[in-house]
Protein backbone atom coordinates (compact mmCIF):
# COMPACT_ATOMS: atom_id res chain seq x y z
CA MET A 1 37.04 55.14 -46.59
CA PRO A 2 36.93 56.73 -50.09
CA THR A 3 33.80 56.16 -52.10
CA MET A 4 33.11 56.29 -55.81
CA PRO A 5 31.22 59.25 -57.25
CA GLU A 6 27.49 58.52 -57.49
CA SER A 7 27.54 58.82 -61.31
CA ALA A 8 30.27 56.15 -61.52
CA ASN A 9 28.13 53.78 -59.46
CA GLN A 10 25.13 54.29 -61.77
CA MET A 11 26.92 53.82 -65.12
CA PRO A 12 30.25 52.08 -64.50
CA PHE A 13 30.75 50.56 -67.99
CA VAL A 14 32.08 52.93 -70.65
CA CYS A 15 32.62 52.37 -74.36
CA LYS A 16 36.14 53.52 -75.21
CA TRP A 17 35.98 52.79 -78.94
CA LEU A 18 37.95 55.69 -80.43
CA TYR A 19 36.34 58.19 -82.80
CA SER A 20 32.84 56.70 -82.46
CA HIS A 21 31.07 58.96 -79.98
CA PRO A 22 30.92 62.71 -79.52
CA GLU A 23 29.97 62.01 -75.87
CA PRO A 24 31.06 59.06 -73.69
CA GLN A 25 28.66 56.15 -73.95
CA GLN A 26 28.03 54.69 -70.50
CA PHE A 27 26.13 51.57 -69.49
CA LYS A 28 24.82 50.09 -66.26
CA THR A 29 25.79 46.50 -67.02
CA GLN A 30 28.52 44.60 -68.81
CA GLU A 31 25.86 43.00 -71.02
CA GLU A 32 24.61 46.44 -72.18
CA LEU A 33 28.19 47.42 -73.05
CA LYS A 34 28.71 44.16 -74.95
CA ASN A 35 25.51 44.71 -76.97
CA HIS A 36 26.65 48.24 -77.76
CA ILE A 37 30.13 47.12 -78.86
CA ASN A 38 28.54 44.56 -81.19
CA LYS A 39 26.96 47.47 -83.09
CA HIS A 40 30.36 48.98 -83.96
CA ASP A 41 31.78 48.08 -87.36
CA ILE A 42 34.87 46.06 -86.55
CA ASN A 43 35.83 46.12 -90.24
CA SER A 44 36.39 49.87 -89.97
CA CYS A 45 39.29 49.38 -87.54
CA ASN A 46 42.61 50.86 -88.56
CA ARG A 47 45.10 48.66 -90.36
CA LEU A 48 48.80 49.28 -90.70
CA SER A 49 48.30 49.53 -94.47
CA LEU A 50 45.77 48.37 -97.04
CA GLU A 51 48.08 45.51 -98.04
CA ASP A 52 48.91 44.53 -94.46
CA PRO A 53 46.35 42.38 -92.63
CA ILE A 54 47.36 43.69 -89.18
CA TYR A 55 44.45 45.35 -87.36
CA ILE A 56 44.93 47.90 -84.57
CA CYS A 57 42.66 47.78 -81.53
CA PRO A 58 40.31 50.81 -81.52
CA TRP A 59 39.99 50.87 -77.71
CA GLU A 60 41.29 54.09 -76.18
CA GLY A 61 44.85 53.65 -74.89
CA CYS A 62 45.35 50.12 -76.24
CA ASN A 63 46.85 50.04 -79.80
CA LYS A 64 47.36 46.26 -79.60
CA ARG A 65 47.81 44.69 -83.03
CA GLN A 66 46.04 41.56 -84.20
CA SER A 67 46.60 39.49 -87.32
CA SER A 68 42.91 38.99 -88.16
CA ILE A 69 39.47 40.45 -87.57
CA ILE A 70 38.54 37.36 -85.53
CA LYS A 71 41.53 37.81 -83.21
CA LEU A 72 40.74 41.53 -82.90
CA GLU A 73 37.15 40.70 -81.95
CA GLU A 74 38.35 38.23 -79.29
CA HIS A 75 40.75 40.88 -77.99
CA LEU A 76 37.96 43.50 -77.78
CA TYR A 77 35.90 41.20 -75.57
CA ARG A 78 38.75 41.28 -73.07
CA HIS A 79 38.20 45.02 -72.77
CA ILE A 80 34.50 44.44 -72.15
CA ARG A 81 35.28 41.96 -69.37
CA GLN A 82 37.61 44.40 -67.60
CA ARG A 83 36.40 45.67 -64.26
CA PRO A 84 34.95 49.15 -64.73
CA PHE A 85 36.87 50.48 -61.73
CA LYS A 86 39.60 49.44 -59.36
CA ALA A 87 38.44 47.61 -56.29
CA ILE A 88 39.13 49.45 -53.09
CA PRO A 89 41.20 47.17 -50.81
CA LYS A 90 39.60 46.28 -47.50
CA LYS A 91 41.52 47.24 -44.39
């Protein structure tokens, strides 16, 4: 049965906020990741244009668009609640 690398077991939660870290930021618990994400400036997220209130999710590989900062914040918490790895099916 395949196992996860030891380092993945120790720090399974990773911040994927684009352009914020020179090195990956990894955390042992979902709560640590959530506290870390709260320190990011959500107001610095990309917008389609200065006049357009559409905000683009800063999470690596997402690019989902939200119509307000509040909706973007709610969307980001979905990323935090994602499982850090795929469960290995039992045989």
